[in-house]
Amino acid sequence: MRPVTTILSTTALSSTALSAAALGLAAAATVAGLGGSAVAAAPDDPGAGSTSREVGRLLECTGTWMQRPVLASVYENRGLVNEVSVQVGEGRREVGAARVQERRFVRHGRVRAVLDLGGRPAELSGTTTRTGVRTAVHEEHDHAGEHVVVDGVHRELDTELALVWRGRGAPLECTGFAFDLQVTRTPA
């Protein structure tokens, strides 16, 4: 898995109990400043900052495949990045992979993601639906010379996924949320 950089408030995520690894995926696009759909500042005023809207979902799953632990994450941020990662095993028996693509992994509530894991195709598939109420999110922090303010909502997802790899399947336990955030960056 990748190094973790969390920017989303753990209190805002308390209802989803996501691990730091999945938060790292969610934070990566925001921290990296991969772009945005709306820029608030005029180009001739570099001190005014920028605002972008980020909409997507984050799923994190765990399970056991052939007595080996499994970690899987699906992260989508509309218009910015879509990434799936899978890790099977620990230590010397650990095999992991990640895939980034423009096309979404979740369409009409169906999840399908295929990636090369240890030289063989691995597939995550199943369903996800929005459930529960929307939870307000607010976070402020400084990062890389910028003051970042995140405001918006999360909504829990009910997700049922399975991993199929090397001809064997494993059901996964998943938590996740859909998000709709406004991210404002100004020079610190």
N, C-alpha and C. Protein backbone atom coordinates (compact mmCIF):
# COMPACT_ATOMS: atom_id res chain seq x y z
N MET A 1 0.84 -1.17 0.00
CA MET A 1 0.00 0.00 0.00
C MET A 1 0.90 1.24 0.00
N ARG A 2 0.32 2.38 -0.33
CA ARG A 2 1.08 3.62 -0.43
C ARG A 2 1.23 4.30 0.92
N PRO A 3 2.18 5.25 1.05
CA PRO A 3 2.29 6.01 2.29
C PRO A 3 1.00 6.78 2.55
N VAL A 4 0.74 7.06 3.80
CA VAL A 4 -0.53 7.66 4.18
C VAL A 4 -0.37 9.14 4.47
N THR A 5 -1.23 9.96 3.90
CA THR A 5 -1.32 11.37 4.20
C THR A 5 -2.79 11.65 4.42
N THR A 6 -3.21 11.85 5.65
CA THR A 6 -4.63 12.07 5.89
C THR A 6 -4.92 13.54 6.02
N ILE A 7 -6.00 13.98 5.37
CA ILE A 7 -6.44 15.35 5.53
C ILE A 7 -7.90 15.42 5.94
N LEU A 8 -8.62 14.33 5.81
CA LEU A 8 -10.03 14.35 6.15
C LEU A 8 -10.18 14.09 7.64
N SER A 9 -11.06 14.79 8.25
CA SER A 9 -11.26 14.71 9.69
C SER A 9 -11.73 13.33 10.12
N THR A 10 -11.07 12.75 11.13
CA THR A 10 -11.49 11.45 11.62
C THR A 10 -12.84 11.53 12.30
N THR A 11 -13.21 12.68 12.83
CA THR A 11 -14.55 12.79 13.42
C THR A 11 -15.60 12.75 12.34
N ALA A 12 -15.31 13.30 11.19
CA ALA A 12 -16.27 13.24 10.10
C ALA A 12 -16.42 11.83 9.58
N LEU A 13 -15.41 10.97 9.79
CA LEU A 13 -15.44 9.62 9.27
C LEU A 13 -15.78 8.59 10.33
N SER A 14 -16.10 9.01 11.53
CA SER A 14 -16.28 8.04 12.62
C SER A 14 -17.33 7.00 12.29
N SER A 15 -18.31 7.32 11.50
CA SER A 15 -19.36 6.35 11.20
C SER A 15 -18.93 5.33 10.17
N THR A 16 -17.81 5.52 9.52
CA THR A 16 -17.38 4.57 8.51
C THR A 16 -16.17 3.75 8.91
N ALA A 17 -15.46 4.15 9.93
CA ALA A 17 -14.32 3.40 10.47
C ALA A 17 -13.34 2.97 9.39
N LEU A 18 -12.91 3.91 8.55
CA LEU A 18 -11.96 3.59 7.49
C LEU A 18 -10.54 3.63 8.01
N SER A 19 -9.69 2.79 7.47
CA SER A 19 -8.30 2.76 7.91
C SER A 19 -7.50 3.89 7.30
N ALA A 20 -6.35 4.13 7.84
CA ALA A 20 -5.48 5.19 7.34
C ALA A 20 -5.05 4.93 5.91
N ALA A 21 -4.94 3.68 5.50
CA ALA A 21 -4.56 3.37 4.12
C ALA A 21 -5.59 3.89 3.14
N ALA A 22 -6.85 3.69 3.42
CA ALA A 22 -7.91 4.17 2.54
C ALA A 22 -8.00 5.68 2.59
N LEU A 23 -7.81 6.27 3.75
CA LEU A 23 -7.82 7.72 3.86
C LEU A 23 -6.69 8.32 3.03
N GLY A 24 -5.57 7.62 2.96
CA GLY A 24 -4.47 8.09 2.13
C GLY A 24 -4.88 8.20 0.68
N LEU A 25 -5.68 7.24 0.19
CA LEU A 25 -6.18 7.32 -1.17
C LEU A 25 -7.09 8.52 -1.34
N ALA A 26 -7.99 8.72 -0.38
CA ALA A 26 -8.93 9.83 -0.46
C ALA A 26 -8.21 11.16 -0.39
N ALA A 27 -7.18 11.23 0.42
CA ALA A 27 -6.46 12.48 0.61
C ALA A 27 -5.51 12.77 -0.53
N ALA A 28 -5.04 11.75 -1.21
CA ALA A 28 -4.01 11.94 -2.22
C ALA A 28 -4.40 12.93 -3.29
N ALA A 29 -5.60 12.82 -3.82
CA ALA A 29 -6.02 13.73 -4.88
C ALA A 29 -6.15 15.16 -4.37
N THR A 30 -6.68 15.33 -3.17
CA THR A 30 -6.85 16.66 -2.61
C THR A 30 -5.51 17.29 -2.29
N VAL A 31 -4.64 16.55 -1.62
CA VAL A 31 -3.33 17.08 -1.24
C VAL A 31 -2.47 17.35 -2.46
N ALA A 32 -2.52 16.47 -3.44
CA ALA A 32 -1.69 16.62 -4.62
C ALA A 32 -2.17 17.76 -5.50
N GLY A 33 -3.41 18.21 -5.30
CA GLY A 33 -3.93 19.30 -6.12
C GLY A 33 -4.05 18.88 -7.56
N LEU A 34 -4.71 17.74 -7.80
CA LEU A 34 -4.80 17.20 -9.14
C LEU A 34 -5.75 17.96 -10.04
N GLY A 35 -6.19 19.09 -9.62
CA GLY A 35 -7.08 19.88 -10.46
C GLY A 35 -8.41 20.06 -9.80
N GLY A 36 -9.34 20.58 -10.54
CA GLY A 36 -10.67 20.77 -9.99
C GLY A 36 -11.62 21.19 -11.07
N SER A 37 -12.88 21.20 -10.73
CA SER A 37 -13.87 21.53 -11.73
C SER A 37 -14.20 23.00 -11.77
N ALA A 38 -13.91 23.75 -10.71
CA ALA A 38 -14.23 25.17 -10.69
C ALA A 38 -13.11 25.94 -10.02
N VAL A 39 -12.65 27.00 -10.68
CA VAL A 39 -11.61 27.84 -10.10
C VAL A 39 -12.23 29.17 -9.73
N ALA A 40 -12.08 29.58 -8.47
CA ALA A 40 -12.74 30.78 -7.97
C ALA A 40 -11.92 32.04 -8.18
N ALA A 41 -10.61 31.93 -8.23
CA ALA A 41 -9.76 33.12 -8.31
C ALA A 41 -9.50 33.52 -9.75
N ALA A 42 -9.36 34.81 -9.97
CA ALA A 42 -8.99 35.30 -11.29
C ALA A 42 -7.52 34.98 -11.52
N PRO A 43 -7.13 34.63 -12.76
CA PRO A 43 -5.74 34.25 -13.02
C PRO A 43 -4.74 35.37 -12.73
N ASP A 44 -5.18 36.65 -12.74
CA ASP A 44 -4.25 37.74 -12.48
C ASP A 44 -4.09 38.03 -10.99
N ASP A 45 -4.73 37.25 -10.12
CA ASP A 45 -4.62 37.43 -8.67
C ASP A 45 -4.14 36.11 -8.04
N PRO A 46 -2.81 35.82 -8.12
CA PRO A 46 -2.31 34.54 -7.62
C PRO A 46 -2.49 34.37 -6.12
N GLY A 47 -2.70 35.44 -5.36
CA GLY A 47 -2.87 35.34 -3.92
C GLY A 47 -4.28 34.97 -3.50
N ALA A 48 -5.23 34.92 -4.45
CA ALA A 48 -6.62 34.67 -4.11
C ALA A 48 -6.92 33.19 -3.88
N GLY A 49 -6.12 32.30 -4.43
CA GLY A 49 -6.35 30.87 -4.23
C GLY A 49 -7.30 30.28 -5.25
N SER A 50 -7.75 29.06 -4.97
CA SER A 50 -8.65 28.37 -5.90
C SER A 50 -9.62 27.50 -5.12
N THR A 51 -10.74 27.21 -5.76
CA THR A 51 -11.75 26.34 -5.17
C THR A 51 -12.13 25.29 -6.19
N SER A 52 -12.21 24.04 -5.74
CA SER A 52 -12.62 22.96 -6.62
C SER A 52 -13.69 22.12 -5.94
N ARG A 53 -14.50 21.45 -6.74
CA ARG A 53 -15.51 20.55 -6.22
C ARG A 53 -15.04 19.13 -6.49
N GLU A 54 -15.08 18.29 -5.45
CA GLU A 54 -14.65 16.91 -5.58
C GLU A 54 -15.81 16.00 -5.19
N VAL A 55 -16.19 15.13 -6.12
CA VAL A 55 -17.34 14.25 -5.93
C VAL A 55 -16.90 12.83 -6.26
N GLY A 56 -17.21 11.90 -5.38
CA GLY A 56 -16.83 10.52 -5.67
C GLY A 56 -17.21 9.58 -4.55
N ARG A 57 -16.45 8.49 -4.44
CA ARG A 57 -16.70 7.50 -3.40
C ARG A 57 -15.40 6.81 -3.04
N LEU A 58 -15.40 6.30 -1.81
CA LEU A 58 -14.26 5.56 -1.29
C LEU A 58 -14.78 4.29 -0.62
N LEU A 59 -14.27 3.14 -1.03
CA LEU A 59 -14.63 1.85 -0.44
C LEU A 59 -13.36 1.21 0.09
N GLU A 60 -13.44 0.64 1.28
CA GLU A 60 -12.31 -0.12 1.82
C GLU A 60 -12.82 -1.47 2.28
N CYS A 61 -12.11 -2.52 1.89
CA CYS A 61 -12.57 -3.88 2.17
C CYS A 61 -11.44 -4.72 2.75
N THR A 62 -11.83 -5.68 3.58
CA THR A 62 -10.90 -6.66 4.13
C THR A 62 -11.52 -8.04 3.99
N GLY A 63 -10.69 -9.05 4.03
CA GLY A 63 -11.17 -10.42 3.95
C GLY A 63 -10.02 -11.39 4.04
N THR A 64 -10.30 -12.63 3.67
CA THR A 64 -9.28 -13.68 3.69
C THR A 64 -9.39 -14.48 2.40
N TRP A 65 -8.27 -14.63 1.71
CA TRP A 65 -8.20 -15.43 0.49
C TRP A 65 -7.20 -16.55 0.77
N MET A 66 -7.68 -17.78 0.77
CA MET A 66 -6.82 -18.95 1.00
C MET A 66 -5.98 -18.77 2.27
N GLN A 67 -6.59 -18.35 3.35
CA GLN A 67 -5.98 -18.14 4.66
C GLN A 67 -4.97 -16.99 4.67
N ARG A 68 -5.00 -16.13 3.66
CA ARG A 68 -4.13 -14.96 3.60
C ARG A 68 -4.99 -13.70 3.69
N PRO A 69 -4.58 -12.72 4.51
CA PRO A 69 -5.39 -11.50 4.65
C PRO A 69 -5.43 -10.69 3.35
N VAL A 70 -6.57 -10.04 3.13
CA VAL A 70 -6.78 -9.22 1.93
C VAL A 70 -7.16 -7.81 2.36
N LEU A 71 -6.56 -6.82 1.72
CA LEU A 71 -6.95 -5.42 1.82
C LEU A 71 -7.25 -4.93 0.41
N ALA A 72 -8.39 -4.29 0.23
CA ALA A 72 -8.74 -3.76 -1.09
C ALA A 72 -9.40 -2.40 -0.92
N SER A 73 -9.07 -1.48 -1.83
CA SER A 73 -9.66 -0.13 -1.81
C SER A 73 -10.07 0.26 -3.21
N VAL A 74 -11.20 0.93 -3.30
CA VAL A 74 -11.67 1.52 -4.55
C VAL A 74 -11.91 2.99 -4.25
N TYR A 75 -11.23 3.87 -5.00
CA TYR A 75 -11.35 5.31 -4.80
C TYR A 75 -11.69 5.96 -6.13
N GLU A 76 -12.79 6.72 -6.15
CA GLU A 76 -13.17 7.46 -7.35
C GLU A 76 -13.37 8.93 -6.97
N ASN A 77 -12.79 9.82 -7.77
CA ASN A 77 -12.97 11.25 -7.59
C ASN A 77 -13.25 11.78 -8.98
N ARG A 78 -14.53 12.00 -9.27
CA ARG A 78 -15.02 12.34 -10.61
C ARG A 78 -14.19 13.44 -11.26
N GLY A 79 -13.67 13.14 -12.42
CA GLY A 79 -12.89 14.11 -13.17
C GLY A 79 -11.44 14.22 -12.75
N LEU A 80 -11.04 13.56 -11.65
CA LEU A 80 -9.66 13.67 -11.18
C LEU A 80 -8.92 12.35 -11.28
N VAL A 81 -9.36 11.34 -10.52
CA VAL A 81 -8.63 10.07 -10.50
C VAL A 81 -9.56 8.95 -10.03
N ASN A 82 -9.37 7.79 -10.60
CA ASN A 82 -10.05 6.57 -10.16
C ASN A 82 -8.96 5.52 -9.94
N GLU A 83 -8.93 4.95 -8.72
CA GLU A 83 -7.85 4.02 -8.39
C GLU A 83 -8.39 2.84 -7.60
N VAL A 84 -7.89 1.66 -7.93
CA VAL A 84 -8.19 0.45 -7.17
C VAL A 84 -6.85 -0.11 -6.70
N SER A 85 -6.83 -0.65 -5.48
CA SER A 85 -5.62 -1.31 -4.98
C SER A 85 -6.03 -2.57 -4.23
N VAL A 86 -5.20 -3.59 -4.37
CA VAL A 86 -5.44 -4.88 -3.70
C VAL A 86 -4.13 -5.39 -3.15
N GLN A 87 -4.18 -5.88 -1.92
CA GLN A 87 -3.02 -6.51 -1.29
C GLN A 87 -3.48 -7.85 -0.72
N VAL A 88 -2.75 -8.91 -1.05
CA VAL A 88 -3.05 -10.25 -0.53
C VAL A 88 -1.82 -10.75 0.21
N GLY A 89 -1.99 -11.20 1.44
CA GLY A 89 -0.90 -11.75 2.23
C GLY A 89 -0.13 -10.70 2.99
N GLU A 90 0.87 -11.20 3.75
CA GLU A 90 1.73 -10.33 4.56
C GLU A 90 3.17 -10.81 4.41
N GLY A 91 4.09 -9.91 4.70
CA GLY A 91 5.50 -10.27 4.71
C GLY A 91 5.99 -10.78 3.36
N ARG A 92 6.74 -11.90 3.40
CA ARG A 92 7.32 -12.46 2.16
C ARG A 92 6.26 -12.98 1.21
N ARG A 93 5.07 -13.30 1.72
CA ARG A 93 4.00 -13.82 0.87
C ARG A 93 3.06 -12.72 0.37
N GLU A 94 3.42 -11.46 0.60
CA GLU A 94 2.57 -10.35 0.21
C GLU A 94 2.67 -10.07 -1.29
N VAL A 95 1.50 -9.89 -1.90
CA VAL A 95 1.42 -9.50 -3.31
C VAL A 95 0.45 -8.33 -3.36
N GLY A 96 0.85 -7.25 -4.01
CA GLY A 96 -0.02 -6.09 -4.09
C GLY A 96 0.07 -5.42 -5.43
N ALA A 97 -0.99 -4.70 -5.76
CA ALA A 97 -1.02 -3.97 -7.03
C ALA A 97 -2.04 -2.85 -6.92
N ALA A 98 -1.86 -1.84 -7.79
CA ALA A 98 -2.80 -0.74 -7.89
C ALA A 98 -2.99 -0.41 -9.36
N ARG A 99 -4.15 0.13 -9.67
CA ARG A 99 -4.45 0.51 -11.05
C ARG A 99 -5.19 1.84 -11.03
N VAL A 100 -4.78 2.75 -11.89
CA VAL A 100 -5.43 4.04 -12.05
C VAL A 100 -5.98 4.09 -13.47
N GLN A 101 -7.22 4.57 -13.59
CA GLN A 101 -7.81 4.69 -14.92
C GLN A 101 -8.78 5.86 -14.95
N GLU A 102 -9.09 6.34 -16.16
CA GLU A 102 -10.04 7.45 -16.29
C GLU A 102 -11.47 6.98 -16.06
N ARG A 103 -11.79 5.79 -16.55
CA ARG A 103 -13.15 5.26 -16.43
C ARG A 103 -13.46 4.85 -14.99
N ARG A 104 -14.69 5.08 -14.53
CA ARG A 104 -15.08 4.74 -13.17
C ARG A 104 -15.16 3.23 -12.98
N PHE A 105 -14.97 2.80 -11.73
CA PHE A 105 -15.10 1.39 -11.36
C PHE A 105 -16.53 1.07 -10.92
N VAL A 106 -17.29 2.09 -10.55
CA VAL A 106 -18.67 1.90 -10.08
C VAL A 106 -19.61 2.55 -11.08
N ARG A 107 -20.53 1.76 -11.61
CA ARG A 107 -21.53 2.26 -12.56
C ARG A 107 -22.88 1.67 -12.19
N HIS A 108 -23.85 2.57 -11.96
CA HIS A 108 -25.22 2.14 -11.64
C HIS A 108 -25.26 1.16 -10.48
N GLY A 109 -24.44 1.40 -9.46
CA GLY A 109 -24.43 0.56 -8.27
C GLY A 109 -23.65 -0.73 -8.39
N ARG A 110 -23.09 -1.02 -9.55
CA ARG A 110 -22.29 -2.23 -9.76
C ARG A 110 -20.81 -1.86 -9.73
N VAL A 111 -20.04 -2.63 -8.98
CA VAL A 111 -18.60 -2.41 -8.87
C VAL A 111 -17.89 -3.48 -9.69
N ARG A 112 -16.95 -3.05 -10.53
CA ARG A 112 -16.12 -4.00 -11.27
C ARG A 112 -14.76 -3.36 -11.51
N ALA A 113 -13.74 -4.02 -10.98
CA ALA A 113 -12.37 -3.53 -11.14
C ALA A 113 -11.47 -4.73 -11.37
N VAL A 114 -10.67 -4.67 -12.42
CA VAL A 114 -9.73 -5.74 -12.75
C VAL A 114 -8.33 -5.15 -12.77
N LEU A 115 -7.38 -5.86 -12.14
CA LEU A 115 -6.00 -5.43 -12.17
C LEU A 115 -5.09 -6.65 -12.17
N ASP A 116 -3.84 -6.44 -12.57
CA ASP A 116 -2.84 -7.50 -12.61
C ASP A 116 -2.23 -7.63 -11.22
N LEU A 117 -2.42 -8.78 -10.59
CA LEU A 117 -1.92 -9.03 -9.23
C LEU A 117 -0.99 -10.24 -9.29
N GLY A 118 0.31 -9.99 -9.16
CA GLY A 118 1.27 -11.08 -9.20
C GLY A 118 1.30 -11.81 -10.54
N GLY A 119 1.06 -11.07 -11.63
CA GLY A 119 1.09 -11.68 -12.95
C GLY A 119 -0.19 -12.37 -13.37
N ARG A 120 -1.23 -12.29 -12.54
CA ARG A 120 -2.53 -12.89 -12.88
C ARG A 120 -3.64 -11.88 -12.64
N PRO A 121 -4.70 -11.95 -13.45
CA PRO A 121 -5.79 -10.99 -13.24
C PRO A 121 -6.53 -11.23 -11.93
N ALA A 122 -6.83 -10.15 -11.24
CA ALA A 122 -7.65 -10.19 -10.03
C ALA A 122 -8.85 -9.29 -10.29
N GLU A 123 -10.02 -9.73 -9.86
CA GLU A 123 -11.24 -8.95 -10.09
C GLU A 123 -11.98 -8.71 -8.78
N LEU A 124 -12.31 -7.44 -8.54
CA LEU A 124 -13.21 -7.05 -7.47
C LEU A 124 -14.55 -6.80 -8.12
N SER A 125 -15.61 -7.43 -7.62
CA SER A 125 -16.93 -7.18 -8.19
C SER A 125 -17.99 -7.29 -7.11
N GLY A 126 -19.10 -6.59 -7.34
CA GLY A 126 -20.20 -6.62 -6.40
C GLY A 126 -21.09 -5.40 -6.58
N THR A 127 -21.73 -4.98 -5.48
CA THR A 127 -22.67 -3.87 -5.52
C THR A 127 -22.40 -2.88 -4.40
N THR A 128 -22.87 -1.65 -4.61
CA THR A 128 -22.81 -0.63 -3.57
C THR A 128 -24.01 0.29 -3.73
N THR A 129 -24.62 0.65 -2.59
CA THR A 129 -25.76 1.56 -2.61
C THR A 129 -25.60 2.58 -1.48
N ARG A 130 -26.13 3.78 -1.71
CA ARG A 130 -26.10 4.81 -0.68
C ARG A 130 -27.11 4.45 0.40
N THR A 131 -26.72 4.69 1.65
CA THR A 131 -27.58 4.38 2.77
C THR A 131 -27.38 5.42 3.86
N GLY A 132 -28.30 5.52 4.77
CA GLY A 132 -28.11 6.45 5.88
C GLY A 132 -28.30 7.89 5.47
N VAL A 133 -27.90 8.77 6.37
CA VAL A 133 -28.07 10.21 6.17
C VAL A 133 -26.75 10.84 5.76
N ARG A 134 -26.85 12.02 5.22
CA ARG A 134 -25.65 12.78 4.85
C ARG A 134 -25.03 13.36 6.11
N THR A 135 -23.71 13.30 6.20
CA THR A 135 -22.97 13.82 7.35
C THR A 135 -22.12 15.00 6.89
N ALA A 136 -22.22 16.12 7.59
CA ALA A 136 -21.45 17.31 7.24
C ALA A 136 -19.97 17.08 7.52
N VAL A 137 -19.12 17.64 6.66
CA VAL A 137 -17.67 17.53 6.79
C VAL A 137 -17.09 18.94 6.77
N HIS A 138 -16.19 19.23 7.69
CA HIS A 138 -15.44 20.49 7.67
C HIS A 138 -14.05 20.20 8.23
N GLU A 139 -13.04 20.63 7.50
CA GLU A 139 -11.65 20.44 7.93
C GLU A 139 -10.83 21.62 7.42
N GLU A 140 -9.91 22.07 8.25
CA GLU A 140 -8.95 23.11 7.85
C GLU A 140 -7.57 22.66 8.26
N HIS A 141 -6.60 22.84 7.36
CA HIS A 141 -5.22 22.50 7.69
C HIS A 141 -4.29 23.22 6.71
N ASP A 142 -3.01 23.22 7.04
CA ASP A 142 -2.00 23.80 6.16
C ASP A 142 -1.20 22.66 5.54
N HIS A 143 -0.94 22.79 4.24
CA HIS A 143 -0.18 21.76 3.53
C HIS A 143 0.58 22.41 2.37
N ALA A 144 1.86 22.17 2.31
CA ALA A 144 2.71 22.62 1.20
C ALA A 144 2.55 24.10 0.90
N GLY A 145 2.53 24.93 1.94
CA GLY A 145 2.45 26.37 1.76
C GLY A 145 1.05 26.88 1.46
N GLU A 146 0.05 26.04 1.58
CA GLU A 146 -1.33 26.45 1.33
C GLU A 146 -2.20 26.17 2.55
N HIS A 147 -3.19 27.01 2.75
CA HIS A 147 -4.22 26.76 3.76
C HIS A 147 -5.38 26.10 3.01
N VAL A 148 -5.77 24.89 3.45
CA VAL A 148 -6.78 24.11 2.75
C VAL A 148 -8.02 24.00 3.64
N VAL A 149 -9.16 24.36 3.06
CA VAL A 149 -10.44 24.24 3.76
C VAL A 149 -11.32 23.28 2.96
N VAL A 150 -11.81 22.23 3.65
CA VAL A 150 -12.66 21.22 3.02
C VAL A 150 -14.03 21.30 3.68
N ASP A 151 -15.07 21.53 2.87
CA ASP A 151 -16.44 21.57 3.35
C ASP A 151 -17.30 20.71 2.42
N GLY A 152 -18.27 20.02 2.99
CA GLY A 152 -19.16 19.23 2.16
C GLY A 152 -19.87 18.17 2.95
N VAL A 153 -20.18 17.06 2.28
CA VAL A 153 -20.94 15.98 2.91
C VAL A 153 -20.37 14.61 2.53
N HIS A 154 -20.58 13.66 3.45
CA HIS A 154 -20.33 12.24 3.21
C HIS A 154 -21.66 11.52 3.37
N ARG A 155 -21.81 10.41 2.69
CA ARG A 155 -22.97 9.55 2.89
C ARG A 155 -22.50 8.11 2.83
N GLU A 156 -22.85 7.34 3.86
CA GLU A 156 -22.39 5.95 3.95
C GLU A 156 -22.86 5.13 2.76
N LEU A 157 -22.07 4.11 2.45
CA LEU A 157 -22.40 3.17 1.38
C LEU A 157 -22.51 1.77 1.95
N ASP A 158 -23.51 1.03 1.52
CA ASP A 158 -23.65 -0.38 1.86
C ASP A 158 -23.06 -1.15 0.68
N THR A 159 -21.99 -1.89 0.92
CA THR A 159 -21.23 -2.50 -0.16
C THR A 159 -21.03 -3.98 0.06
N GLU A 160 -21.23 -4.76 -0.99
CA GLU A 160 -20.95 -6.20 -0.97
C GLU A 160 -20.02 -6.50 -2.14
N LEU A 161 -18.77 -6.85 -1.82
CA LEU A 161 -17.77 -7.15 -2.85
C LEU A 161 -17.14 -8.50 -2.62
N ALA A 162 -16.59 -9.06 -3.69
CA ALA A 162 -15.81 -10.29 -3.62
C ALA A 162 -14.56 -10.11 -4.47
N LEU A 163 -13.50 -10.80 -4.09
CA LEU A 163 -12.25 -10.84 -4.85
C LEU A 163 -12.13 -12.21 -5.48
N VAL A 164 -11.87 -12.25 -6.79
CA VAL A 164 -11.57 -13.51 -7.47
C VAL A 164 -10.17 -13.39 -8.04
N TRP A 165 -9.29 -14.32 -7.63
CA TRP A 165 -7.89 -14.31 -8.07
C TRP A 165 -7.41 -15.75 -8.13
N ARG A 166 -6.68 -16.09 -9.17
CA ARG A 166 -6.13 -17.44 -9.36
C ARG A 166 -7.22 -18.51 -9.26
N GLY A 167 -8.40 -18.18 -9.80
CA GLY A 167 -9.48 -19.15 -9.85
C GLY A 167 -10.24 -19.35 -8.55
N ARG A 168 -9.93 -18.58 -7.51
CA ARG A 168 -10.60 -18.74 -6.22
C ARG A 168 -11.18 -17.41 -5.77
N GLY A 169 -12.36 -17.50 -5.17
CA GLY A 169 -13.04 -16.29 -4.72
C GLY A 169 -13.01 -16.14 -3.21
N ALA A 170 -13.21 -14.90 -2.77
CA ALA A 170 -13.27 -14.59 -1.34
C ALA A 170 -14.22 -13.43 -1.14
N PRO A 171 -15.24 -13.60 -0.28
CA PRO A 171 -16.11 -12.46 0.04
C PRO A 171 -15.33 -11.45 0.88
N LEU A 172 -15.68 -10.18 0.74
CA LEU A 172 -15.00 -9.12 1.47
C LEU A 172 -15.99 -8.35 2.34
N GLU A 173 -15.52 -7.89 3.49
CA GLU A 173 -16.29 -7.00 4.36
C GLU A 173 -15.86 -5.57 4.01
N CYS A 174 -16.83 -4.72 3.71
CA CYS A 174 -16.49 -3.38 3.22
C CYS A 174 -17.17 -2.28 4.02
N THR A 175 -16.49 -1.15 4.11
CA THR A 175 -17.06 0.09 4.59
C THR A 175 -16.76 1.15 3.54
N GLY A 176 -17.55 2.21 3.53
CA GLY A 176 -17.28 3.24 2.54
C GLY A 176 -18.25 4.38 2.63
N PHE A 177 -17.96 5.41 1.83
CA PHE A 177 -18.83 6.57 1.78
C PHE A 177 -18.71 7.25 0.43
N ALA A 178 -19.79 7.92 0.04
CA ALA A 178 -19.78 8.82 -1.10
C ALA A 178 -19.48 10.21 -0.55
N PHE A 179 -18.80 11.04 -1.32
CA PHE A 179 -18.47 12.38 -0.85
C PHE A 179 -18.77 13.43 -1.91
N ASP A 180 -19.10 14.62 -1.45
CA ASP A 180 -19.30 15.79 -2.29
C ASP A 180 -18.69 16.94 -1.50
N LEU A 181 -17.49 17.37 -1.92
CA LEU A 181 -16.70 18.31 -1.14
C LEU A 181 -16.32 19.54 -1.96
N GLN A 182 -16.24 20.68 -1.29
CA GLN A 182 -15.68 21.88 -1.87
C GLN A 182 -14.33 22.09 -1.20
N VAL A 183 -13.27 22.15 -1.97
CA VAL A 183 -11.92 22.29 -1.43
C VAL A 183 -11.36 23.64 -1.87
N THR A 184 -11.03 24.48 -0.89
CA THR A 184 -10.51 25.82 -1.17
C THR A 184 -9.07 25.87 -0.69
N ARG A 185 -8.17 26.30 -1.59
CA ARG A 185 -6.76 26.43 -1.27
C ARG A 185 -6.34 27.88 -1.43
N THR A 186 -5.69 28.43 -0.38
CA THR A 186 -5.16 29.78 -0.45
C THR A 186 -3.72 29.75 0.06
N PRO A 187 -2.87 30.65 -0.42
CA PRO A 187 -1.50 30.69 0.10
C PRO A 187 -1.52 30.91 1.61
N ALA A 188 -0.71 30.13 2.33
CA ALA A 188 -0.67 30.24 3.80
C ALA A 188 0.19 31.40 4.23
